[in-house]
Amino acid sequence: MNSGKVVLGVLAGALLGVLFAPHRGSVTRKKIARKGGNVADGVKEKLNEFLEVITEKFEKVKDDVVEFTEEKLAKAEEAKKNTQNA
């Protein structure tokens, strides 16, 4: 599910809750603040998960590049030695 749709759904639900709220304004505002905190916590959690995945992928690519470079340098050194000995 698209996170934009989730946020939009939460905001729409909050708006409908305010319009049809059976409580006083102060109680409703406290409920909205509490739900807003829950949404913020959810967004932070999803962002942290996303950053963790991106970091893992970046580290894998970095390791692959280092390994590739080391292999090519070793082959170049070997070829250099072979041409000097010939």
C-alpha atoms as a PDB file:
ATOM      1  CA  MET A   1       0.000   0.000   0.000  1.00  0.00           C
ATOM      2  CA  ASN A   2       1.242   3.457  -0.852  1.00  0.00           C
ATOM      3  CA  SER A   3       2.251   5.430   2.245  1.00  0.00           C
ATOM      4  CA  GLY A   4       0.655   8.554   0.746  1.00  0.00           C
ATOM      5  CA  LYS A   5      -2.689   6.783   0.667  1.00  0.00           C
ATOM      6  CA  VAL A   6      -2.248   5.705   4.269  1.00  0.00           C
ATOM      7  CA  VAL A   7      -1.529   9.259   5.408  1.00  0.00           C
ATOM      8  CA  LEU A   8      -4.469  10.568   3.392  1.00  0.00           C
ATOM      9  CA  GLY A   9      -6.726   7.928   4.925  1.00  0.00           C
ATOM     10  CA  VAL A  10      -5.602   8.817   8.435  1.00  0.00           C
ATOM     11  CA  LEU A  11      -6.181  12.515   7.814  1.00  0.00           C
ATOM     12  CA  ALA A  12      -9.615  11.860   6.313  1.00  0.00           C
ATOM     13  CA  GLY A  13     -10.510   9.688   9.298  1.00  0.00           C
ATOM     14  CA  ALA A  14      -9.375  12.388  11.691  1.00  0.00           C
ATOM     15  CA  LEU A  15     -11.445  14.995   9.845  1.00  0.00           C
ATOM     16  CA  LEU A  16     -14.547  12.811   9.909  1.00  0.00           C
ATOM     17  CA  GLY A  17     -13.925  12.128  13.573  1.00  0.00           C
ATOM     18  CA  VAL A  18     -13.871  15.838  14.311  1.00  0.00           C
ATOM     19  CA  LEU A  19     -17.035  16.491  12.325  1.00  0.00           C
ATOM     20  CA  PHE A  20     -19.008  13.722  13.991  1.00  0.00           C
ATOM     21  CA  ALA A  21     -17.341  13.819  17.410  1.00  0.00           C
ATOM     22  CA  PRO A  22     -19.670  13.288  20.368  1.00  0.00           C
ATOM     23  CA  HIS A  23     -17.163  14.934  22.740  1.00  0.00           C
ATOM     24  CA  ARG A  24     -16.280  18.492  23.668  1.00  0.00           C
ATOM     25  CA  GLY A  25     -13.608  20.272  21.636  1.00  0.00           C
ATOM     26  CA  SER A  26     -10.912  19.888  24.300  1.00  0.00           C
ATOM     27  CA  VAL A  27     -11.445  16.118  24.494  1.00  0.00           C
ATOM     28  CA  THR A  28     -11.483  15.853  20.706  1.00  0.00           C
ATOM     29  CA  ARG A  29      -8.244  17.863  20.415  1.00  0.00           C
ATOM     30  CA  LYS A  30      -6.542  15.561  22.917  1.00  0.00           C
ATOM     31  CA  LYS A  31      -7.660  12.527  20.933  1.00  0.00           C
ATOM     32  CA  ILE A  32      -6.397  14.069  17.703  1.00  0.00           C
ATOM     33  CA  ALA A  33      -3.061  14.908  19.312  1.00  0.00           C
ATOM     34  CA  ARG A  34      -2.736  11.361  20.594  1.00  0.00           C
ATOM     35  CA  LYS A  35      -3.580   9.886  17.170  1.00  0.00           C
ATOM     36  CA  GLY A  36      -1.199  12.353  15.509  1.00  0.00           C
ATOM     37  CA  GLY A  37       1.549  11.093  17.800  1.00  0.00           C
ATOM     38  CA  ASN A  38       0.716   7.529  16.794  1.00  0.00           C
ATOM     39  CA  VAL A  39       0.874   8.450  13.115  1.00  0.00           C
ATOM     40  CA  ALA A  40       4.194  10.228  13.635  1.00  0.00           C
ATOM     41  CA  ASP A  41       5.569   7.163  15.410  1.00  0.00           C
ATOM     42  CA  GLY A  42       4.422   4.962  12.515  1.00  0.00           C
ATOM     43  CA  VAL A  43       6.032   7.254   9.962  1.00  0.00           C
ATOM     44  CA  LYS A  44       9.293   7.286  11.933  1.00  0.00           C
ATOM     45  CA  GLU A  45       9.263   3.502  12.116  1.00  0.00           C
ATOM     46  CA  LYS A  46       8.683   3.145   8.364  1.00  0.00           C
ATOM     47  CA  LEU A  47      11.411   5.695   7.628  1.00  0.00           C
ATOM     48  CA  ASN A  48      13.870   3.844   9.849  1.00  0.00           C
ATOM     49  CA  GLU A  49      13.020   0.553   8.110  1.00  0.00           C
ATOM     50  CA  PHE A  50      13.518   2.207   4.724  1.00  0.00           C
ATOM     51  CA  LEU A  51      16.860   3.692   5.743  1.00  0.00           C
ATOM     52  CA  GLU A  52      17.997   0.331   7.102  1.00  0.00           C
ATOM     53  CA  VAL A  53      17.180  -1.406   3.805  1.00  0.00           C
ATOM     54  CA  ILE A  54      18.911   1.328   1.779  1.00  0.00           C
ATOM     55  CA  THR A  55      21.979   1.162   4.036  1.00  0.00           C
ATOM     56  CA  GLU A  56      22.200  -2.620   3.639  1.00  0.00           C
ATOM     57  CA  LYS A  57      21.938  -2.341  -0.149  1.00  0.00           C
ATOM     58  CA  PHE A  58      24.551   0.422  -0.244  1.00  0.00           C
ATOM     59  CA  GLU A  59      26.962  -1.657   1.852  1.00  0.00           C
ATOM     60  CA  LYS A  60      26.455  -4.655  -0.475  1.00  0.00           C
ATOM     61  CA  VAL A  61      27.168  -2.562  -3.571  1.00  0.00           C
ATOM     62  CA  LYS A  62      30.206  -1.006  -1.903  1.00  0.00           C
ATOM     63  CA  ASP A  63      31.568  -4.441  -0.979  1.00  0.00           C
ATOM     64  CA  ASP A  64      30.968  -5.695  -4.525  1.00  0.00           C
ATOM     65  CA  VAL A  65      32.814  -2.705  -6.006  1.00  0.00           C
ATOM     66  CA  VAL A  66      35.765  -3.171  -3.636  1.00  0.00           C
ATOM     67  CA  GLU A  67      35.943  -6.889  -4.465  1.00  0.00           C
ATOM     68  CA  PHE A  68      35.726  -6.206  -8.212  1.00  0.00           C
ATOM     69  CA  THR A  69      38.442  -3.542  -7.996  1.00  0.00           C
ATOM     70  CA  GLU A  70      40.762  -5.791  -6.012  1.00  0.00           C
ATOM     71  CA  GLU A  71      40.313  -8.614  -8.529  1.00  0.00           C
ATOM     72  CA  LYS A  72      41.073  -6.328 -11.476  1.00  0.00           C
ATOM     73  CA  LEU A  73      44.121  -4.828  -9.758  1.00  0.00           C
ATOM     74  CA  ALA A  74      45.451  -8.299  -8.981  1.00  0.00           C
ATOM     75  CA  LYS A  75      45.007  -9.354 -12.623  1.00  0.00           C
ATOM     76  CA  ALA A  76      46.711  -6.170 -13.816  1.00  0.00           C
ATOM     77  CA  GLU A  77      49.672  -6.772 -11.490  1.00  0.00           C
ATOM     78  CA  GLU A  78      49.918 -10.370 -12.700  1.00  0.00           C
ATOM     79  CA  ALA A  79      49.848  -9.276 -16.336  1.00  0.00           C
ATOM     80  CA  LYS A  80      52.511  -6.656 -15.617  1.00  0.00           C
ATOM     81  CA  LYS A  81      54.770  -9.259 -14.019  1.00  0.00           C
ATOM     82  CA  ASN A  82      54.222 -11.653 -16.930  1.00  0.00           C
ATOM     83  CA  THR A  83      55.189  -8.996 -19.483  1.00  0.00           C
ATOM     84  CA  GLN A  84      58.310  -8.022 -17.502  1.00  0.00           C
ATOM     85  CA  ASN A  85      59.436 -11.665 -17.250  1.00  0.00           C
ATOM     86  CA  ALA A  86      58.884 -12.368 -20.940  1.00  0.00           C
END
